[in-house]
Amino acid sequence: MVNKCTSSKRSATVFPRNMKILHNLGENIMLAMKRRKITQEMMFSRTGISKPTLRKITKGDPSVSIGHYVNVLAVLNLLDDLSKVALDDEFGRKLQDIELLSKKR
């Protein structure tokens, strides 16, 4: 099943495997809030994100902008985790190495 996000501006097709990753992200955010005893009201006052949007974030809803996710992660002091995404591009390096080796010949 493919989830089609609907919005008045545009929509994104998110495949099931990727939805699982978003769901896990939302769950991790919810757990981080609970560990830190940060309520929805506290998160709203620190980010300005509405409670319905925050609920969508904790469910990993792909229709929420990445900017909102960034604001929530910043409040949780987890924004550095986002900077690690695609940092170690092992597959890209392998492709580059193959290209470099084939040019030598």
PDB file of N, CA and C in Angstrom:
ATOM      1  N   MET A   1       0.841  -1.177   0.000  1.00  0.00           N
ATOM      2  CA  MET A   1       0.000   0.000   0.000  1.00  0.00           C
ATOM      3  C   MET A   1       0.890   1.245   0.000  1.00  0.00           C
ATOM      4  N   VAL A   2       0.634   2.153  -0.885  1.00  0.00           N
ATOM      5  CA  VAL A   2       1.383   3.392  -0.990  1.00  0.00           C
ATOM      6  C   VAL A   2       0.559   4.498  -0.363  1.00  0.00           C
ATOM      7  N   ASN A   3       1.170   5.271   0.525  1.00  0.00           N
ATOM      8  CA  ASN A   3       0.483   6.381   1.165  1.00  0.00           C
ATOM      9  C   ASN A   3       0.672   7.624   0.318  1.00  0.00           C
ATOM     10  N   LYS A   4      -0.412   8.234  -0.067  1.00  0.00           N
ATOM     11  CA  LYS A   4      -0.362   9.464  -0.853  1.00  0.00           C
ATOM     12  C   LYS A   4      -0.752  10.595   0.083  1.00  0.00           C
ATOM     13  N   CYS A   5       0.217  11.478   0.386  1.00  0.00           N
ATOM     14  CA  CYS A   5      -0.042  12.616   1.248  1.00  0.00           C
ATOM     15  C   CYS A   5      -0.819  13.645   0.461  1.00  0.00           C
ATOM     16  N   THR A   6      -1.852  14.162   1.057  1.00  0.00           N
ATOM     17  CA  THR A   6      -2.634  15.161   0.349  1.00  0.00           C
ATOM     18  C   THR A   6      -2.432  16.526   0.960  1.00  0.00           C
ATOM     19  N   SER A   7      -2.329  17.483   0.107  1.00  0.00           N
ATOM     20  CA  SER A   7      -2.140  18.866   0.507  1.00  0.00           C
ATOM     21  C   SER A   7      -2.679  19.717  -0.617  1.00  0.00           C
ATOM     22  N   SER A   8      -3.063  20.938  -0.299  1.00  0.00           N
ATOM     23  CA  SER A   8      -3.588  21.797  -1.349  1.00  0.00           C
ATOM     24  C   SER A   8      -2.495  22.185  -2.337  1.00  0.00           C
ATOM     25  N   LYS A   9      -1.242  22.174  -1.911  1.00  0.00           N
ATOM     26  CA  LYS A   9      -0.141  22.574  -2.770  1.00  0.00           C
ATOM     27  C   LYS A   9       0.426  21.412  -3.565  1.00  0.00           C
ATOM     28  N   ARG A  10       0.755  20.327  -2.896  1.00  0.00           N
ATOM     29  CA  ARG A  10       1.378  19.187  -3.558  1.00  0.00           C
ATOM     30  C   ARG A  10       1.261  17.957  -2.674  1.00  0.00           C
ATOM     31  N   SER A  11       1.601  16.830  -3.242  1.00  0.00           N
ATOM     32  CA  SER A  11       1.534  15.599  -2.458  1.00  0.00           C
ATOM     33  C   SER A  11       2.770  14.763  -2.740  1.00  0.00           C
ATOM     34  N   ALA A  12       3.080  13.908  -1.801  1.00  0.00           N
ATOM     35  CA  ALA A  12       4.246  13.037  -1.933  1.00  0.00           C
ATOM     36  C   ALA A  12       3.787  11.595  -1.842  1.00  0.00           C
ATOM     37  N   THR A  13       4.381  10.761  -2.658  1.00  0.00           N
ATOM     38  CA  THR A  13       4.114   9.332  -2.579  1.00  0.00           C
ATOM     39  C   THR A  13       5.162   8.735  -1.651  1.00  0.00           C
ATOM     40  N   VAL A  14       4.698   8.082  -0.600  1.00  0.00           N
ATOM     41  CA  VAL A  14       5.603   7.470   0.364  1.00  0.00           C
ATOM     42  C   VAL A  14       5.310   5.971   0.381  1.00  0.00           C
ATOM     43  N   PHE A  15       6.315   5.191   0.053  1.00  0.00           N
ATOM     44  CA  PHE A  15       6.156   3.751  -0.028  1.00  0.00           C
ATOM     45  C   PHE A  15       6.141   3.134   1.368  1.00  0.00           C
ATOM     46  N   PRO A  16       5.548   1.945   1.502  1.00  0.00           N
ATOM     47  CA  PRO A  16       5.370   1.321   2.825  1.00  0.00           C
ATOM     48  C   PRO A  16       6.646   1.209   3.654  1.00  0.00           C
ATOM     49  N   ARG A  17       7.748   0.823   3.040  1.00  0.00           N
ATOM     50  CA  ARG A  17       8.995   0.684   3.802  1.00  0.00           C
ATOM     51  C   ARG A  17       9.424   2.031   4.371  1.00  0.00           C
ATOM     52  N   ASN A  18       9.229   3.092   3.587  1.00  0.00           N
ATOM     53  CA  ASN A  18       9.580   4.432   4.052  1.00  0.00           C
ATOM     54  C   ASN A  18       8.595   4.935   5.096  1.00  0.00           C
ATOM     55  N   MET A  19       7.328   4.541   4.981  1.00  0.00           N
ATOM     56  CA  MET A  19       6.339   4.908   5.997  1.00  0.00           C
ATOM     57  C   MET A  19       6.726   4.305   7.348  1.00  0.00           C
ATOM     58  N   LYS A  20       7.258   3.099   7.310  1.00  0.00           N
ATOM     59  CA  LYS A  20       7.691   2.436   8.555  1.00  0.00           C
ATOM     60  C   LYS A  20       8.800   3.252   9.211  1.00  0.00           C
ATOM     61  N   ILE A  21       9.716   3.778   8.418  1.00  0.00           N
ATOM     62  CA  ILE A  21      10.804   4.596   8.955  1.00  0.00           C
ATOM     63  C   ILE A  21      10.247   5.870   9.566  1.00  0.00           C
ATOM     64  N   LEU A  22       9.307   6.514   8.872  1.00  0.00           N
ATOM     65  CA  LEU A  22       8.680   7.723   9.420  1.00  0.00           C
ATOM     66  C   LEU A  22       7.916   7.413  10.703  1.00  0.00           C
ATOM     67  N   HIS A  23       7.216   6.284  10.708  1.00  0.00           N
ATOM     68  CA  HIS A  23       6.488   5.874  11.914  1.00  0.00           C
ATOM     69  C   HIS A  23       7.457   5.690  13.090  1.00  0.00           C
ATOM     70  N   ASN A  24       8.595   5.050  12.822  1.00  0.00           N
ATOM     71  CA  ASN A  24       9.595   4.849  13.873  1.00  0.00           C
ATOM     72  C   ASN A  24      10.155   6.187  14.360  1.00  0.00           C
ATOM     73  N   LEU A  25      10.386   7.116  13.434  1.00  0.00           N
ATOM     74  CA  LEU A  25      10.852   8.448  13.822  1.00  0.00           C
ATOM     75  C   LEU A  25       9.841   9.118  14.743  1.00  0.00           C
ATOM     76  N   GLY A  26       8.586   9.067  14.372  1.00  0.00           N
ATOM     77  CA  GLY A  26       7.541   9.655  15.213  1.00  0.00           C
ATOM     78  C   GLY A  26       7.491   9.021  16.588  1.00  0.00           C
ATOM     79  N   GLU A  27       7.605   7.715  16.626  1.00  0.00           N
ATOM     80  CA  GLU A  27       7.605   6.999  17.899  1.00  0.00           C
ATOM     81  C   GLU A  27       8.818   7.398  18.746  1.00  0.00           C
ATOM     82  N   ASN A  28       9.975   7.520  18.115  1.00  0.00           N
ATOM     83  CA  ASN A  28      11.182   7.933  18.843  1.00  0.00           C
ATOM     84  C   ASN A  28      11.034   9.348  19.396  1.00  0.00           C
ATOM     85  N   ILE A  29      10.418  10.223  18.636  1.00  0.00           N
ATOM     86  CA  ILE A  29      10.183  11.590  19.105  1.00  0.00           C
ATOM     87  C   ILE A  29       9.242  11.578  20.303  1.00  0.00           C
ATOM     88  N   MET A  30       8.171  10.783  20.207  1.00  0.00           N
ATOM     89  CA  MET A  30       7.226  10.693  21.320  1.00  0.00           C
ATOM     90  C   MET A  30       7.920  10.161  22.581  1.00  0.00           C
ATOM     91  N   LEU A  31       8.741   9.120  22.432  1.00  0.00           N
ATOM     92  CA  LEU A  31       9.451   8.565  23.578  1.00  0.00           C
ATOM     93  C   LEU A  31      10.437   9.576  24.168  1.00  0.00           C
ATOM     94  N   ALA A  32      11.119  10.332  23.302  1.00  0.00           N
ATOM     95  CA  ALA A  32      12.060  11.352  23.781  1.00  0.00           C
ATOM     96  C   ALA A  32      11.322  12.431  24.576  1.00  0.00           C
ATOM     97  N   MET A  33      10.136  12.808  24.111  1.00  0.00           N
ATOM     98  CA  MET A  33       9.338  13.792  24.853  1.00  0.00           C
ATOM     99  C   MET A  33       8.961  13.241  26.228  1.00  0.00           C
ATOM    100  N   LYS A  34       8.528  11.991  26.256  1.00  0.00           N
ATOM    101  CA  LYS A  34       8.122  11.381  27.525  1.00  0.00           C
ATOM    102  C   LYS A  34       9.310  11.250  28.475  1.00  0.00           C
ATOM    103  N   ARG A  35      10.464  10.841  27.964  1.00  0.00           N
ATOM    104  CA  ARG A  35      11.649  10.707  28.815  1.00  0.00           C
ATOM    105  C   ARG A  35      12.027  12.046  29.442  1.00  0.00           C
ATOM    106  N   ARG A  36      11.848  13.111  28.668  1.00  0.00           N
ATOM    107  CA  ARG A  36      12.213  14.448  29.141  1.00  0.00           C
ATOM    108  C   ARG A  36      11.067  15.136  29.869  1.00  0.00           C
ATOM    109  N   LYS A  37       9.921  14.431  29.942  1.00  0.00           N
ATOM    110  CA  LYS A  37       8.718  14.972  30.580  1.00  0.00           C
ATOM    111  C   LYS A  37       8.283  16.297  29.932  1.00  0.00           C
ATOM    112  N   ILE A  38       8.367  16.322  28.603  1.00  0.00           N
ATOM    113  CA  ILE A  38       7.919  17.486  27.837  1.00  0.00           C
ATOM    114  C   ILE A  38       6.513  17.194  27.323  1.00  0.00           C
ATOM    115  N   THR A  39       5.566  17.984  27.774  1.00  0.00           N
ATOM    116  CA  THR A  39       4.176  17.803  27.367  1.00  0.00           C
ATOM    117  C   THR A  39       3.924  18.474  26.025  1.00  0.00           C
ATOM    118  N   GLN A  40       2.759  18.176  25.446  1.00  0.00           N
ATOM    119  CA  GLN A  40       2.377  18.828  24.195  1.00  0.00           C
ATOM    120  C   GLN A  40       2.291  20.339  24.393  1.00  0.00           C
ATOM    121  N   GLU A  41       1.787  20.764  25.547  1.00  0.00           N
ATOM    122  CA  GLU A  41       1.678  22.197  25.826  1.00  0.00           C
ATOM    123  C   GLU A  41       3.051  22.854  25.882  1.00  0.00           C
ATOM    124  N   MET A  42       3.995  22.175  26.511  1.00  0.00           N
ATOM    125  CA  MET A  42       5.355  22.704  26.583  1.00  0.00           C
ATOM    126  C   MET A  42       5.973  22.784  25.193  1.00  0.00           C
ATOM    127  N   MET A  43       5.768  21.747  24.381  1.00  0.00           N
ATOM    128  CA  MET A  43       6.317  21.741  23.029  1.00  0.00           C
ATOM    129  C   MET A  43       5.685  22.860  22.209  1.00  0.00           C
ATOM    130  N   PHE A  44       4.385  23.059  22.374  1.00  0.00           N
ATOM    131  CA  PHE A  44       3.712  24.139  21.661  1.00  0.00           C
ATOM    132  C   PHE A  44       4.297  25.488  22.041  1.00  0.00           C
ATOM    133  N   SER A  45       4.510  25.698  23.340  1.00  0.00           N
ATOM    134  CA  SER A  45       5.031  27.002  23.781  1.00  0.00           C
ATOM    135  C   SER A  45       6.468  27.224  23.309  1.00  0.00           C
ATOM    136  N   ARG A  46       7.227  26.157  23.106  1.00  0.00           N
ATOM    137  CA  ARG A  46       8.621  26.291  22.676  1.00  0.00           C
ATOM    138  C   ARG A  46       8.791  26.341  21.156  1.00  0.00           C
ATOM    139  N   THR A  47       7.816  25.781  20.429  1.00  0.00           N
ATOM    140  CA  THR A  47       7.954  25.724  18.971  1.00  0.00           C
ATOM    141  C   THR A  47       6.862  26.480  18.221  1.00  0.00           C
ATOM    142  N   GLY A  48       5.719  26.657  18.842  1.00  0.00           N
ATOM    143  CA  GLY A  48       4.580  27.253  18.145  1.00  0.00           C
ATOM    144  C   GLY A  48       3.837  26.259  17.273  1.00  0.00           C
ATOM    145  N   ILE A  49       4.219  25.002  17.330  1.00  0.00           N
ATOM    146  CA  ILE A  49       3.565  23.961  16.539  1.00  0.00           C
ATOM    147  C   ILE A  49       2.263  23.570  17.226  1.00  0.00           C
ATOM    148  N   SER A  50       1.192  23.521  16.461  1.00  0.00           N
ATOM    149  CA  SER A  50      -0.113  23.187  17.029  1.00  0.00           C
ATOM    150  C   SER A  50      -0.145  21.740  17.529  1.00  0.00           C
ATOM    151  N   LYS A  51      -1.082  21.466  18.438  1.00  0.00           N
ATOM    152  CA  LYS A  51      -1.208  20.110  18.972  1.00  0.00           C
ATOM    153  C   LYS A  51      -1.544  19.094  17.880  1.00  0.00           C
ATOM    154  N   PRO A  52      -2.446  19.424  16.942  1.00  0.00           N
ATOM    155  CA  PRO A  52      -2.704  18.443  15.873  1.00  0.00           C
ATOM    156  C   PRO A  52      -1.450  18.134  15.037  1.00  0.00           C
ATOM    157  N   THR A  53      -0.655  19.164  14.748  1.00  0.00           N
ATOM    158  CA  THR A  53       0.578  18.935  13.983  1.00  0.00           C
ATOM    159  C   THR A  53       1.568  18.128  14.802  1.00  0.00           C
ATOM    160  N   LEU A  54       1.667  18.414  16.078  1.00  0.00           N
ATOM    161  CA  LEU A  54       2.561  17.649  16.946  1.00  0.00           C
ATOM    162  C   LEU A  54       2.134  16.184  17.007  1.00  0.00           C
ATOM    163  N   ARG A  55       0.825  15.947  17.063  1.00  0.00           N
ATOM    164  CA  ARG A  55       0.337  14.555  17.048  1.00  0.00           C
ATOM    165  C   ARG A  55       0.729  13.869  15.740  1.00  0.00           C
ATOM    166  N   LYS A  56       0.641  14.605  14.636  1.00  0.00           N
ATOM    167  CA  LYS A  56       1.054  14.034  13.352  1.00  0.00           C
ATOM    168  C   LYS A  56       2.538  13.691  13.365  1.00  0.00           C
ATOM    169  N   ILE A  57       3.337  14.554  13.972  1.00  0.00           N
ATOM    170  CA  ILE A  57       4.785  14.306  14.059  1.00  0.00           C
ATOM    171  C   ILE A  57       5.056  13.033  14.852  1.00  0.00           C
ATOM    172  N   THR A  58       4.365  12.867  15.972  1.00  0.00           N
ATOM    173  CA  THR A  58       4.603  11.682  16.805  1.00  0.00           C
ATOM    174  C   THR A  58       4.072  10.412  16.160  1.00  0.00           C
ATOM    175  N   LYS A  59       3.312  10.559  15.083  1.00  0.00           N
ATOM    176  CA  LYS A  59       2.857   9.394  14.316  1.00  0.00           C
ATOM    177  C   LYS A  59       3.702   9.200  13.057  1.00  0.00           C
ATOM    178  N   GLY A  60       4.623  10.142  12.801  1.00  0.00           N
ATOM    179  CA  GLY A  60       5.467  10.037  11.619  1.00  0.00           C
ATOM    180  C   GLY A  60       4.728  10.388  10.344  1.00  0.00           C
ATOM    181  N   ASP A  61       3.825  11.324  10.420  1.00  0.00           N
ATOM    182  CA  ASP A  61       3.025  11.720   9.262  1.00  0.00           C
ATOM    183  C   ASP A  61       3.899  12.436   8.230  1.00  0.00           C
ATOM    184  N   PRO A  62       3.929  11.940   6.986  1.00  0.00           N
ATOM    185  CA  PRO A  62       4.783  12.544   5.961  1.00  0.00           C
ATOM    186  C   PRO A  62       4.265  13.880   5.431  1.00  0.00           C
ATOM    187  N   SER A  63       3.053  14.265   5.797  1.00  0.00           N
ATOM    188  CA  SER A  63       2.523  15.536   5.307  1.00  0.00           C
ATOM    189  C   SER A  63       3.048  16.726   6.103  1.00  0.00           C
ATOM    190  N   VAL A  64       3.687  16.468   7.236  1.00  0.00           N
ATOM    191  CA  VAL A  64       4.241  17.547   8.063  1.00  0.00           C
ATOM    192  C   VAL A  64       5.580  17.975   7.480  1.00  0.00           C
ATOM    193  N   SER A  65       5.796  19.279   7.423  1.00  0.00           N
ATOM    194  CA  SER A  65       7.048  19.776   6.828  1.00  0.00           C
ATOM    195  C   SER A  65       8.245  19.372   7.679  1.00  0.00           C
ATOM    196  N   ILE A  66       9.354  19.203   7.004  1.00  0.00           N
ATOM    197  CA  ILE A  66      10.583  18.829   7.710  1.00  0.00           C
ATOM    198  C   ILE A  66      10.989  19.921   8.699  1.00  0.00           C
ATOM    199  N   GLY A  67      10.605  21.162   8.399  1.00  0.00           N
ATOM    200  CA  GLY A  67      10.903  22.265   9.310  1.00  0.00           C
ATOM    201  C   GLY A  67      10.275  22.072  10.682  1.00  0.00           C
ATOM    202  N   HIS A  68       9.059  21.526  10.711  1.00  0.00           N
ATOM    203  CA  HIS A  68       8.406  21.255  11.996  1.00  0.00           C
ATOM    204  C   HIS A  68       9.140  20.144  12.741  1.00  0.00           C
ATOM    205  N   TYR A  69       9.552  19.107  12.003  1.00  0.00           N
ATOM    206  CA  TYR A  69      10.339  18.043  12.626  1.00  0.00           C
ATOM    207  C   TYR A  69      11.628  18.618  13.209  1.00  0.00           C
ATOM    208  N   VAL A  70      12.273  19.514  12.464  1.00  0.00           N
ATOM    209  CA  VAL A  70      13.520  20.144  12.926  1.00  0.00           C
ATOM    210  C   VAL A  70      13.283  20.920  14.213  1.00  0.00           C
ATOM    211  N   ASN A  71      12.205  21.678  14.278  1.00  0.00           N
ATOM    212  CA  ASN A  71      11.920  22.465  15.484  1.00  0.00           C
ATOM    213  C   ASN A  71      11.709  21.572  16.696  1.00  0.00           C
ATOM    214  N   VAL A  72      10.996  20.475  16.511  1.00  0.00           N
ATOM    215  CA  VAL A  72      10.755  19.540  17.620  1.00  0.00           C
ATOM    216  C   VAL A  72      12.061  18.880  18.044  1.00  0.00           C
ATOM    217  N   LEU A  73      12.854  18.432  17.086  1.00  0.00           N
ATOM    218  CA  LEU A  73      14.145  17.806  17.416  1.00  0.00           C
ATOM    219  C   LEU A  73      15.064  18.787  18.134  1.00  0.00           C
ATOM    220  N   ALA A  74      14.999  20.067  17.773  1.00  0.00           N
ATOM    221  CA  ALA A  74      15.827  21.079  18.435  1.00  0.00           C
ATOM    222  C   ALA A  74      15.430  21.218  19.898  1.00  0.00           C
ATOM    223  N   VAL A  75      14.140  21.244  20.175  1.00  0.00           N
ATOM    224  CA  VAL A  75      13.672  21.338  21.566  1.00  0.00           C
ATOM    225  C   VAL A  75      14.130  20.120  22.362  1.00  0.00           C
ATOM    226  N   LEU A  76      14.157  18.974  21.711  1.00  0.00           N
ATOM    227  CA  LEU A  76      14.570  17.740  22.387  1.00  0.00           C
ATOM    228  C   LEU A  76      16.086  17.587  22.449  1.00  0.00           C
ATOM    229  N   ASN A  77      16.803  18.565  21.907  1.00  0.00           N
ATOM    230  CA  ASN A  77      18.267  18.530  21.844  1.00  0.00           C
ATOM    231  C   ASN A  77      18.755  17.316  21.045  1.00  0.00           C
ATOM    232  N   LEU A  78      18.022  17.002  19.979  1.00  0.00           N
ATOM    233  CA  LEU A  78      18.367  15.868  19.127  1.00  0.00           C
ATOM    234  C   LEU A  78      18.633  16.291  17.685  1.00  0.00           C
ATOM    235  N   LEU A  79      18.771  17.579  17.453  1.00  0.00           N
ATOM    236  CA  LEU A  79      18.945  18.070  16.085  1.00  0.00           C
ATOM    237  C   LEU A  79      20.250  17.578  15.462  1.00  0.00           C
ATOM    238  N   ASP A  80      21.270  17.351  16.272  1.00  0.00           N
ATOM    239  CA  ASP A  80      22.533  16.838  15.740  1.00  0.00           C
ATOM    240  C   ASP A  80      22.350  15.471  15.076  1.00  0.00           C
ATOM    241  N   ASP A  81      21.361  14.705  15.543  1.00  0.00           N
ATOM    242  CA  ASP A  81      21.093  13.406  14.915  1.00  0.00           C
ATOM    243  C   ASP A  81      20.729  13.589  13.446  1.00  0.00           C
ATOM    244  N   LEU A  82      20.007  14.647  13.129  1.00  0.00           N
ATOM    245  CA  LEU A  82      19.594  14.894  11.755  1.00  0.00           C
ATOM    246  C   LEU A  82      20.781  15.223  10.861  1.00  0.00           C
ATOM    247  N   SER A  83      21.788  15.856  11.425  1.00  0.00           N
ATOM    248  CA  SER A  83      22.959  16.206  10.621  1.00  0.00           C
ATOM    249  C   SER A  83      23.789  14.980  10.246  1.00  0.00           C
ATOM    250  N   LYS A  84      23.491  13.847  10.852  1.00  0.00           N
ATOM    251  CA  LYS A  84      24.223  12.613  10.550  1.00  0.00           C
ATOM    252  C   LYS A  84      23.617  11.840   9.384  1.00  0.00           C
ATOM    253  N   VAL A  85      22.431  12.271   8.937  1.00  0.00           N
ATOM    254  CA  VAL A  85      21.773  11.597   7.821  1.00  0.00           C
ATOM    255  C   VAL A  85      22.622  11.774   6.564  1.00  0.00           C
ATOM    256  N   ALA A  86      22.909  10.691   5.904  1.00  0.00           N
ATOM    257  CA  ALA A  86      23.693  10.648   4.661  1.00  0.00           C
ATOM    258  C   ALA A  86      25.125  11.135   4.843  1.00  0.00           C
ATOM    259  N   LEU A  87      25.585  11.240   6.062  1.00  0.00           N
ATOM    260  CA  LEU A  87      26.951  11.674   6.323  1.00  0.00           C
ATOM    261  C   LEU A  87      27.966  10.661   5.817  1.00  0.00           C
ATOM    262  N   ASP A  88      27.719   9.404   6.098  1.00  0.00           N
ATOM    263  CA  ASP A  88      28.620   8.338   5.671  1.00  0.00           C
ATOM    264  C   ASP A  88      27.990   7.639   4.473  1.00  0.00           C
ATOM    265  N   ASP A  89      28.272   8.129   3.278  1.00  0.00           N
ATOM    266  CA  ASP A  89      27.669   7.629   2.051  1.00  0.00           C
ATOM    267  C   ASP A  89      28.527   6.506   1.473  1.00  0.00           C
ATOM    268  N   GLU A  90      28.474   5.356   2.113  1.00  0.00           N
ATOM    269  CA  GLU A  90      29.302   4.220   1.708  1.00  0.00           C
ATOM    270  C   GLU A  90      28.996   3.780   0.281  1.00  0.00           C
ATOM    271  N   PHE A  91      27.732   3.699  -0.064  1.00  0.00           N
ATOM    272  CA  PHE A  91      27.348   3.277  -1.409  1.00  0.00           C
ATOM    273  C   PHE A  91      27.840   4.270  -2.467  1.00  0.00           C
ATOM    274  N   GLY A  92      27.685   5.557  -2.198  1.00  0.00           N
ATOM    275  CA  GLY A  92      28.154   6.588  -3.127  1.00  0.00           C
ATOM    276  C   GLY A  92      29.655   6.528  -3.330  1.00  0.00           C
ATOM    277  N   ARG A  93      30.392   6.276  -2.258  1.00  0.00           N
ATOM    278  CA  ARG A  93      31.851   6.150  -2.372  1.00  0.00           C
ATOM    279  C   ARG A  93      32.235   4.936  -3.207  1.00  0.00           C
ATOM    280  N   LYS A  94      31.512   3.833  -3.042  1.00  0.00           N
ATOM    281  CA  LYS A  94      31.796   2.637  -3.834  1.00  0.00           C
ATOM    282  C   LYS A  94      31.567   2.911  -5.314  1.00  0.00           C
ATOM    283  N   LEU A  95      30.466   3.591  -5.630  1.00  0.00           N
ATOM    284  CA  LEU A  95      30.200   3.944  -7.026  1.00  0.00           C
ATOM    285  C   LEU A  95      31.296   4.844  -7.579  1.00  0.00           C
ATOM    286  N   GLN A  96      31.719   5.791  -6.768  1.00  0.00           N
ATOM    287  CA  GLN A  96      32.782   6.707  -7.192  1.00  0.00           C
ATOM    288  C   GLN A  96      34.091   5.947  -7.399  1.00  0.00           C
ATOM    289  N   ASP A  97      34.404   5.029  -6.498  1.00  0.00           N
ATOM    290  CA  ASP A  97      35.627   4.233  -6.629  1.00  0.00           C
ATOM    291  C   ASP A  97      35.610   3.388  -7.895  1.00  0.00           C
ATOM    292  N   ILE A  98      34.459   2.798  -8.205  1.00  0.00           N
ATOM    293  CA  ILE A  98      34.341   1.994  -9.430  1.00  0.00           C
ATOM    294  C   ILE A  98      34.613   2.871 -10.643  1.00  0.00           C
ATOM    295  N   GLU A  99      34.047   4.054 -10.649  1.00  0.00           N
ATOM    296  CA  GLU A  99      34.271   4.985 -11.771  1.00  0.00           C
ATOM    297  C   GLU A  99      35.726   5.388 -11.857  1.00  0.00           C
ATOM    298  N   LEU A 100      36.339   5.676 -10.735  1.00  0.00           N
ATOM    299  CA  LEU A 100      37.747   6.068 -10.739  1.00  0.00           C
ATOM    300  C   LEU A 100      38.653   4.943 -11.210  1.00  0.00           C
ATOM    301  N   LEU A 101      38.357   3.724 -10.780  1.00  0.00           N
ATOM    302  CA  LEU A 101      39.159   2.577 -11.211  1.00  0.00           C
ATOM    303  C   LEU A 101      38.985   2.302 -12.688  1.00  0.00           C
ATOM    304  N   SER A 102      37.792   2.483 -13.220  1.00  0.00           N
ATOM    305  CA  SER A 102      37.578   2.212 -14.645  1.00  0.00           C
ATOM    306  C   SER A 102      38.230   3.276 -15.527  1.00  0.00           C
ATOM    307  N   LYS A 103      38.443   4.482 -15.031  1.00  0.00           N
ATOM    308  CA  LYS A 103      39.119   5.542 -15.785  1.00  0.00           C
ATOM    309  C   LYS A 103      40.612   5.288 -15.877  1.00  0.00           C
ATOM    310  N   LYS A 104      41.173   4.593 -14.894  1.00  0.00           N
ATOM    311  CA  LYS A 104      42.616   4.300 -14.879  1.00  0.00           C
ATOM    312  C   LYS A 104      43.010   3.390 -16.023  1.00  0.00           C
ATOM    313  N   ARG A 105      42.125   2.496 -16.386  1.00  0.00           N
ATOM    314  CA  ARG A 105      42.455   1.456 -17.373  1.00  0.00           C
ATOM    315  C   ARG A 105      42.528   1.995 -18.724  1.00  0.00           C
TER     316      ARG A 105
END
